[in-house]
Structure formats: C-alpha cells, structure tokens
Amino acid sequence: GDEFALVLIEAGEAEAADVVDRVRGALPLPGDPLLGRLGASFGVAVFQPGDDPDSLLRRADAAMYEDKRARRALA
C-alpha cells in the first residue's frame, strides 16, 4: 500500500489527533461500492528533544502499524 506523511508545524498531540479524525472522517466507509475495500491507518509522532527527522518518522511509522493491528483485530 501507499504511505503518506503530514507534517504539522507547531502542533501537539491534540491537534494531530484532530487532523487524524478529520482525515479519517473524509474517507469513504469500508465497503463503498465505488472504492471497494479502501482502508487507512494512522500514526502520530510529536517531536521530542533529541529527535531528528528519521527518528520522528520511525515513531510515526510504528504508531501507524499499531493502529493497523488494532483495526484488524476489530474486524
């Protein structure tokens, strides 16, 4: 699957969670007759002192895979 990243400048966890909710809400529901089984998982990582771009992306990627595992467990 494809992966995309959004970079939010000066946003904390609450703002990032709001963006995730808005993006998730804009996606079609699973089983949409036109798009089939489109799904999305999200991972959020907030910059911490000592982070570099690679470590931040690794943490966001790990969070995304955790979201994916949790969503599959519910299905």
PDB file of N, CA and C in Angstrom:
ATOM      1  N   GLY A   1       0.815  -1.185   0.000  1.00  0.00           N
ATOM      2  CA  GLY A   1       0.000   0.000   0.000  1.00  0.00           C
ATOM      3  C   GLY A   1       0.854   1.242   0.000  1.00  0.00           C
ATOM      4  N   ASP A   2       0.235   2.333  -0.288  1.00  0.00           N
ATOM      5  CA  ASP A   2       0.911   3.627  -0.284  1.00  0.00           C
ATOM      6  C   ASP A   2       0.919   4.206   1.120  1.00  0.00           C
ATOM      7  N   GLU A   3       1.961   4.956   1.413  1.00  0.00           N
ATOM      8  CA  GLU A   3       2.065   5.633   2.698  1.00  0.00           C
ATOM      9  C   GLU A   3       2.325   7.107   2.439  1.00  0.00           C
ATOM     10  N   PHE A   4       1.704   7.939   3.249  1.00  0.00           N
ATOM     11  CA  PHE A   4       1.834   9.384   3.135  1.00  0.00           C
ATOM     12  C   PHE A   4       2.127   9.954   4.506  1.00  0.00           C
ATOM     13  N   ALA A   5       2.786  11.099   4.523  1.00  0.00           N
ATOM     14  CA  ALA A   5       3.079  11.777   5.784  1.00  0.00           C
ATOM     15  C   ALA A   5       2.552  13.202   5.717  1.00  0.00           C
ATOM     16  N   LEU A   6       1.997  13.644   6.823  1.00  0.00           N
ATOM     17  CA  LEU A   6       1.620  15.042   7.000  1.00  0.00           C
ATOM     18  C   LEU A   6       2.519  15.610   8.078  1.00  0.00           C
ATOM     19  N   VAL A   7       3.071  16.755   7.846  1.00  0.00           N
ATOM     20  CA  VAL A   7       3.902  17.425   8.834  1.00  0.00           C
ATOM     21  C   VAL A   7       3.128  18.639   9.321  1.00  0.00           C
ATOM     22  N   LEU A   8       2.848  18.653  10.594  1.00  0.00           N
ATOM     23  CA  LEU A   8       2.112  19.758  11.205  1.00  0.00           C
ATOM     24  C   LEU A   8       3.093  20.583  12.022  1.00  0.00           C
ATOM     25  N   ILE A   9       3.274  21.810  11.643  1.00  0.00           N
ATOM     26  CA  ILE A   9       4.217  22.686  12.332  1.00  0.00           C
ATOM     27  C   ILE A   9       3.547  23.253  13.590  1.00  0.00           C
ATOM     28  N   GLU A  10       4.247  23.165  14.711  1.00  0.00           N
ATOM     29  CA  GLU A  10       3.783  23.688  15.990  1.00  0.00           C
ATOM     30  C   GLU A  10       2.437  23.104  16.412  1.00  0.00           C
ATOM     31  N   ALA A  11       2.264  21.817  16.198  1.00  0.00           N
ATOM     32  CA  ALA A  11       1.038  21.124  16.624  1.00  0.00           C
ATOM     33  C   ALA A  11       1.423  20.067  17.657  1.00  0.00           C
ATOM     34  N   GLY A  12       0.596  19.935  18.656  1.00  0.00           N
ATOM     35  CA  GLY A  12       0.801  18.908  19.668  1.00  0.00           C
ATOM     36  C   GLY A  12      -0.068  17.696  19.376  1.00  0.00           C
ATOM     37  N   GLU A  13      -0.120  16.797  20.350  1.00  0.00           N
ATOM     38  CA  GLU A  13      -0.886  15.561  20.166  1.00  0.00           C
ATOM     39  C   GLU A  13      -2.368  15.828  19.935  1.00  0.00           C
ATOM     40  N   ALA A  14      -2.947  16.778  20.653  1.00  0.00           N
ATOM     41  CA  ALA A  14      -4.381  17.060  20.498  1.00  0.00           C
ATOM     42  C   ALA A  14      -4.691  17.566  19.094  1.00  0.00           C
ATOM     43  N   GLU A  15      -3.862  18.475  18.591  1.00  0.00           N
ATOM     44  CA  GLU A  15      -4.079  18.988  17.234  1.00  0.00           C
ATOM     45  C   GLU A  15      -3.884  17.893  16.198  1.00  0.00           C
ATOM     46  N   ALA A  16      -2.875  17.058  16.390  1.00  0.00           N
ATOM     47  CA  ALA A  16      -2.629  15.959  15.458  1.00  0.00           C
ATOM     48  C   ALA A  16      -3.795  14.971  15.473  1.00  0.00           C
ATOM     49  N   ALA A  17      -4.315  14.671  16.653  1.00  0.00           N
ATOM     50  CA  ALA A  17      -5.461  13.763  16.754  1.00  0.00           C
ATOM     51  C   ALA A  17      -6.678  14.341  16.048  1.00  0.00           C
ATOM     52  N   ASP A  18      -6.865  15.655  16.138  1.00  0.00           N
ATOM     53  CA  ASP A  18      -7.973  16.307  15.436  1.00  0.00           C
ATOM     54  C   ASP A  18      -7.820  16.159  13.928  1.00  0.00           C
ATOM     55  N   VAL A  19      -6.600  16.345  13.421  1.00  0.00           N
ATOM     56  CA  VAL A  19      -6.356  16.179  11.981  1.00  0.00           C
ATOM     57  C   VAL A  19      -6.632  14.740  11.560  1.00  0.00           C
ATOM     58  N   VAL A  20      -6.172  13.776  12.348  1.00  0.00           N
ATOM     59  CA  VAL A  20      -6.438  12.363  12.040  1.00  0.00           C
ATOM     60  C   VAL A  20      -7.943  12.116  11.982  1.00  0.00           C
ATOM     61  N   ASP A  21      -8.682  12.618  12.952  1.00  0.00           N
ATOM     62  CA  ASP A  21     -10.138  12.433  12.956  1.00  0.00           C
ATOM     63  C   ASP A  21     -10.775  13.040  11.715  1.00  0.00           C
ATOM     64  N   ARG A  22     -10.326  14.228  11.321  1.00  0.00           N
ATOM     65  CA  ARG A  22     -10.903  14.884  10.151  1.00  0.00           C
ATOM     66  C   ARG A  22     -10.574  14.131   8.867  1.00  0.00           C
ATOM     67  N   VAL A  23      -9.341  13.661   8.730  1.00  0.00           N
ATOM     68  CA  VAL A  23      -8.965  12.905   7.531  1.00  0.00           C
ATOM     69  C   VAL A  23      -9.724  11.584   7.500  1.00  0.00           C
ATOM     70  N   ARG A  24      -9.749  10.876   8.632  1.00  0.00           N
ATOM     71  CA  ARG A  24     -10.469   9.592   8.691  1.00  0.00           C
ATOM     72  C   ARG A  24     -11.946   9.791   8.338  1.00  0.00           C
ATOM     73  N   GLY A  25     -12.546  10.879   8.824  1.00  0.00           N
ATOM     74  CA  GLY A  25     -13.943  11.162   8.542  1.00  0.00           C
ATOM     75  C   GLY A  25     -14.208  11.508   7.089  1.00  0.00           C
ATOM     76  N   ALA A  26     -13.195  11.983   6.387  1.00  0.00           N
ATOM     77  CA  ALA A  26     -13.356  12.340   4.979  1.00  0.00           C
ATOM     78  C   ALA A  26     -13.228  11.135   4.045  1.00  0.00           C
ATOM     79  N   LEU A  27     -12.726  10.035   4.569  1.00  0.00           N
ATOM     80  CA  LEU A  27     -12.550   8.833   3.744  1.00  0.00           C
ATOM     81  C   LEU A  27     -13.870   8.085   3.602  1.00  0.00           C
ATOM     82  N   PRO A  28     -14.044   7.377   2.483  1.00  0.00           N
ATOM     83  CA  PRO A  28     -15.272   6.585   2.333  1.00  0.00           C
ATOM     84  C   PRO A  28     -15.309   5.446   3.350  1.00  0.00           C
ATOM     85  N   LEU A  29     -16.500   5.023   3.676  1.00  0.00           N
ATOM     86  CA  LEU A  29     -16.662   3.904   4.605  1.00  0.00           C
ATOM     87  C   LEU A  29     -16.207   2.615   3.949  1.00  0.00           C
ATOM     88  N   PRO A  30     -15.682   1.666   4.745  1.00  0.00           N
ATOM     89  CA  PRO A  30     -15.294   0.365   4.175  1.00  0.00           C
ATOM     90  C   PRO A  30     -16.477  -0.264   3.446  1.00  0.00           C
ATOM     91  N   GLY A  31     -16.205  -0.853   2.293  1.00  0.00           N
ATOM     92  CA  GLY A  31     -17.258  -1.493   1.514  1.00  0.00           C
ATOM     93  C   GLY A  31     -17.972  -0.552   0.571  1.00  0.00           C
ATOM     94  N   ASP A  32     -17.485   0.688   0.434  1.00  0.00           N
ATOM     95  CA  ASP A  32     -18.078   1.634  -0.511  1.00  0.00           C
ATOM     96  C   ASP A  32     -18.117   0.973  -1.895  1.00  0.00           C
ATOM     97  N   PRO A  33     -19.269   0.981  -2.571  1.00  0.00           N
ATOM     98  CA  PRO A  33     -19.376   0.272  -3.853  1.00  0.00           C
ATOM     99  C   PRO A  33     -18.425   0.794  -4.925  1.00  0.00           C
ATOM    100  N   LEU A  34     -18.003   2.037  -4.852  1.00  0.00           N
ATOM    101  CA  LEU A  34     -17.095   2.577  -5.864  1.00  0.00           C
ATOM    102  C   LEU A  34     -15.630   2.326  -5.537  1.00  0.00           C
ATOM    103  N   LEU A  35     -15.289   2.277  -4.275  1.00  0.00           N
ATOM    104  CA  LEU A  35     -13.885   2.164  -3.892  1.00  0.00           C
ATOM    105  C   LEU A  35     -13.526   0.824  -3.266  1.00  0.00           C
ATOM    106  N   GLY A  36     -14.486  -0.027  -3.060  1.00  0.00           N
ATOM    107  CA  GLY A  36     -14.190  -1.361  -2.525  1.00  0.00           C
ATOM    108  C   GLY A  36     -13.685  -1.316  -1.104  1.00  0.00           C
ATOM    109  N   ARG A  37     -12.526  -1.938  -0.884  1.00  0.00           N
ATOM    110  CA  ARG A  37     -12.005  -2.109   0.472  1.00  0.00           C
ATOM    111  C   ARG A  37     -10.906  -1.114   0.814  1.00  0.00           C
ATOM    112  N   LEU A  38     -11.096   0.125   0.494  1.00  0.00           N
ATOM    113  CA  LEU A  38     -10.133   1.156   0.853  1.00  0.00           C
ATOM    114  C   LEU A  38     -10.073   1.262   2.373  1.00  0.00           C
ATOM    115  N   GLY A  39      -8.885   1.277   2.908  1.00  0.00           N
ATOM    116  CA  GLY A  39      -8.720   1.420   4.344  1.00  0.00           C
ATOM    117  C   GLY A  39      -7.562   2.345   4.631  1.00  0.00           C
ATOM    118  N   ALA A  40      -7.503   2.846   5.832  1.00  0.00           N
ATOM    119  CA  ALA A  40      -6.409   3.741   6.214  1.00  0.00           C
ATOM    120  C   ALA A  40      -6.071   3.541   7.678  1.00  0.00           C
ATOM    121  N   SER A  41      -4.784   3.554   7.951  1.00  0.00           N
ATOM    122  CA  SER A  41      -4.290   3.505   9.319  1.00  0.00           C
ATOM    123  C   SER A  41      -3.448   4.747   9.533  1.00  0.00           C
ATOM    124  N   PHE A  42      -3.426   5.225  10.770  1.00  0.00           N
ATOM    125  CA  PHE A  42      -2.743   6.476  11.065  1.00  0.00           C
ATOM    126  C   PHE A  42      -1.788   6.296  12.234  1.00  0.00           C
ATOM    127  N   GLY A  43      -0.661   6.984  12.157  1.00  0.00           N
ATOM    128  CA  GLY A  43       0.288   7.006  13.258  1.00  0.00           C
ATOM    129  C   GLY A  43       0.731   8.429  13.512  1.00  0.00           C
ATOM    130  N   VAL A  44       0.786   8.812  14.758  1.00  0.00           N
ATOM    131  CA  VAL A  44       1.167  10.173  15.131  1.00  0.00           C
ATOM    132  C   VAL A  44       2.427  10.112  15.987  1.00  0.00           C
ATOM    133  N   ALA A  45       3.355  10.991  15.670  1.00  0.00           N
ATOM    134  CA  ALA A  45       4.547  11.166  16.498  1.00  0.00           C
ATOM    135  C   ALA A  45       4.767  12.662  16.658  1.00  0.00           C
ATOM    136  N   VAL A  46       4.931  13.110  17.881  1.00  0.00           N
ATOM    137  CA  VAL A  46       5.165  14.514  18.169  1.00  0.00           C
ATOM    138  C   VAL A  46       6.649  14.693  18.466  1.00  0.00           C
ATOM    139  N   PHE A  47       7.229  15.722  17.888  1.00  0.00           N
ATOM    140  CA  PHE A  47       8.655  15.997  18.060  1.00  0.00           C
ATOM    141  C   PHE A  47       9.020  16.081  19.535  1.00  0.00           C
ATOM    142  N   GLN A  48      10.104  15.396  19.878  1.00  0.00           N
ATOM    143  CA  GLN A  48      10.657  15.414  21.233  1.00  0.00           C
ATOM    144  C   GLN A  48      12.096  15.918  21.153  1.00  0.00           C
ATOM    145  N   PRO A  49      12.609  16.553  22.198  1.00  0.00           N
ATOM    146  CA  PRO A  49      14.017  16.972  22.171  1.00  0.00           C
ATOM    147  C   PRO A  49      14.916  15.787  21.820  1.00  0.00           C
ATOM    148  N   GLY A  50      15.829  16.015  20.938  1.00  0.00           N
ATOM    149  CA  GLY A  50      16.748  14.961  20.503  1.00  0.00           C
ATOM    150  C   GLY A  50      16.281  14.237  19.253  1.00  0.00           C
ATOM    151  N   ASP A  51      15.028  14.457  18.837  1.00  0.00           N
ATOM    152  CA  ASP A  51      14.536  13.831  17.614  1.00  0.00           C
ATOM    153  C   ASP A  51      15.234  14.412  16.395  1.00  0.00           C
ATOM    154  N   ASP A  52      15.389  13.575  15.408  1.00  0.00           N
ATOM    155  CA  ASP A  52      15.761  14.031  14.079  1.00  0.00           C
ATOM    156  C   ASP A  52      14.659  13.538  13.145  1.00  0.00           C
ATOM    157  N   PRO A  53      14.641  13.961  11.901  1.00  0.00           N
ATOM    158  CA  PRO A  53      13.549  13.541  11.010  1.00  0.00           C
ATOM    159  C   PRO A  53      13.383  12.024  10.917  1.00  0.00           C
ATOM    160  N   ASP A  54      14.487  11.293  10.880  1.00  0.00           N
ATOM    161  CA  ASP A  54      14.392   9.832  10.763  1.00  0.00           C
ATOM    162  C   ASP A  54      13.758   9.204  11.999  1.00  0.00           C
ATOM    163  N   SER A  55      14.152   9.634  13.186  1.00  0.00           N
ATOM    164  CA  SER A  55      13.581   9.038  14.403  1.00  0.00           C
ATOM    165  C   SER A  55      12.102   9.397  14.533  1.00  0.00           C
ATOM    166  N   LEU A  56      11.743  10.608  14.161  1.00  0.00           N
ATOM    167  CA  LEU A  56      10.341  11.019  14.210  1.00  0.00           C
ATOM    168  C   LEU A  56       9.505  10.179  13.249  1.00  0.00           C
ATOM    169  N   LEU A  57      10.003   9.971  12.043  1.00  0.00           N
ATOM    170  CA  LEU A  57       9.284   9.160  11.063  1.00  0.00           C
ATOM    171  C   LEU A  57       9.185   7.703  11.499  1.00  0.00           C
ATOM    172  N   ARG A  58      10.236   7.166  12.120  1.00  0.00           N
ATOM    173  CA  ARG A  58      10.193   5.779  12.622  1.00  0.00           C
ATOM    174  C   ARG A  58       9.119   5.617  13.690  1.00  0.00           C
ATOM    175  N   ARG A  59       9.021   6.601  14.602  1.00  0.00           N
ATOM    176  CA  ARG A  59       7.999   6.517  15.649  1.00  0.00           C
ATOM    177  C   ARG A  59       6.596   6.643  15.069  1.00  0.00           C
ATOM    178  N   ALA A  60       6.415   7.524  14.082  1.00  0.00           N
ATOM    179  CA  ALA A  60       5.106   7.651  13.426  1.00  0.00           C
ATOM    180  C   ALA A  60       4.757   6.364  12.685  1.00  0.00           C
ATOM    181  N   ASP A  61       5.738   5.761  12.038  1.00  0.00           N
ATOM    182  CA  ASP A  61       5.520   4.509  11.310  1.00  0.00           C
ATOM    183  C   ASP A  61       5.131   3.390  12.272  1.00  0.00           C
ATOM    184  N   ALA A  62       5.817   3.299  13.406  1.00  0.00           N
ATOM    185  CA  ALA A  62       5.485   2.280  14.411  1.00  0.00           C
ATOM    186  C   ALA A  62       4.070   2.496  14.936  1.00  0.00           C
ATOM    187  N   ALA A  63       3.688   3.748  15.169  1.00  0.00           N
ATOM    188  CA  ALA A  63       2.329   4.045  15.637  1.00  0.00           C
ATOM    189  C   ALA A  63       1.294   3.685  14.580  1.00  0.00           C
ATOM    190  N   MET A  64       1.620   3.905  13.314  1.00  0.00           N
ATOM    191  CA  MET A  64       0.707   3.554  12.228  1.00  0.00           C
ATOM    192  C   MET A  64       0.488   2.039  12.171  1.00  0.00           C
ATOM    193  N   TYR A  65       1.563   1.276  12.312  1.00  0.00           N
ATOM    194  CA  TYR A  65       1.404  -0.182  12.282  1.00  0.00           C
ATOM    195  C   TYR A  65       0.639  -0.686  13.499  1.00  0.00           C
ATOM    196  N   GLU A  66       0.768  -0.027  14.633  1.00  0.00           N
ATOM    197  CA  GLU A  66      -0.022  -0.392  15.817  1.00  0.00           C
ATOM    198  C   GLU A  66      -1.501  -0.111  15.550  1.00  0.00           C
ATOM    199  N   ASP A  67      -1.798   1.018  14.919  1.00  0.00           N
ATOM    200  CA  ASP A  67      -3.183   1.322  14.556  1.00  0.00           C
ATOM    201  C   ASP A  67      -3.726   0.273  13.574  1.00  0.00           C
ATOM    202  N   LYS A  68      -2.899  -0.127  12.630  1.00  0.00           N
ATOM    203  CA  LYS A  68      -3.314  -1.129  11.648  1.00  0.00           C
ATOM    204  C   LYS A  68      -3.630  -2.459  12.345  1.00  0.00           C
ATOM    205  N   ARG A  69      -2.763  -2.873  13.293  1.00  0.00           N
ATOM    206  CA  ARG A  69      -3.007  -4.124  14.027  1.00  0.00           C
ATOM    207  C   ARG A  69      -4.298  -4.037  14.831  1.00  0.00           C
ATOM    208  N   ALA A  70      -4.514  -2.916  15.482  1.00  0.00           N
ATOM    209  CA  ALA A  70      -5.719  -2.749  16.300  1.00  0.00           C
ATOM    210  C   ALA A  70      -6.970  -2.763  15.433  1.00  0.00           C
ATOM    211  N   ARG A  71      -6.934  -2.133  14.278  1.00  0.00           N
ATOM    212  CA  ARG A  71      -8.094  -2.108  13.385  1.00  0.00           C
ATOM    213  C   ARG A  71      -8.392  -3.499  12.833  1.00  0.00           C
ATOM    214  N   ARG A  72      -7.365  -4.275  12.539  1.00  0.00           N
ATOM    215  CA  ARG A  72      -7.568  -5.647  12.040  1.00  0.00           C
ATOM    216  C   ARG A  72      -8.166  -6.523  13.129  1.00  0.00           C
ATOM    217  N   ALA A  73      -7.756  -6.298  14.373  1.00  0.00           N
ATOM    218  CA  ALA A  73      -8.281  -7.097  15.474  1.00  0.00           C
ATOM    219  C   ALA A  73      -9.786  -6.864  15.680  1.00  0.00           C
ATOM    220  N   LEU A  74     -10.254  -5.676  15.321  1.00  0.00           N
ATOM    221  CA  LEU A  74     -11.670  -5.351  15.464  1.00  0.00           C
ATOM    222  C   LEU A  74     -12.516  -5.907  14.331  1.00  0.00           C
ATOM    223  N   ALA A  75     -11.869  -6.212  13.215  1.00  0.00           N
ATOM    224  CA  ALA A  75     -12.619  -6.679  12.026  1.00  0.00           C
ATOM    225  C   ALA A  75     -13.058  -8.112  12.157  1.00  0.00           C
TER     226      ALA A  75
END
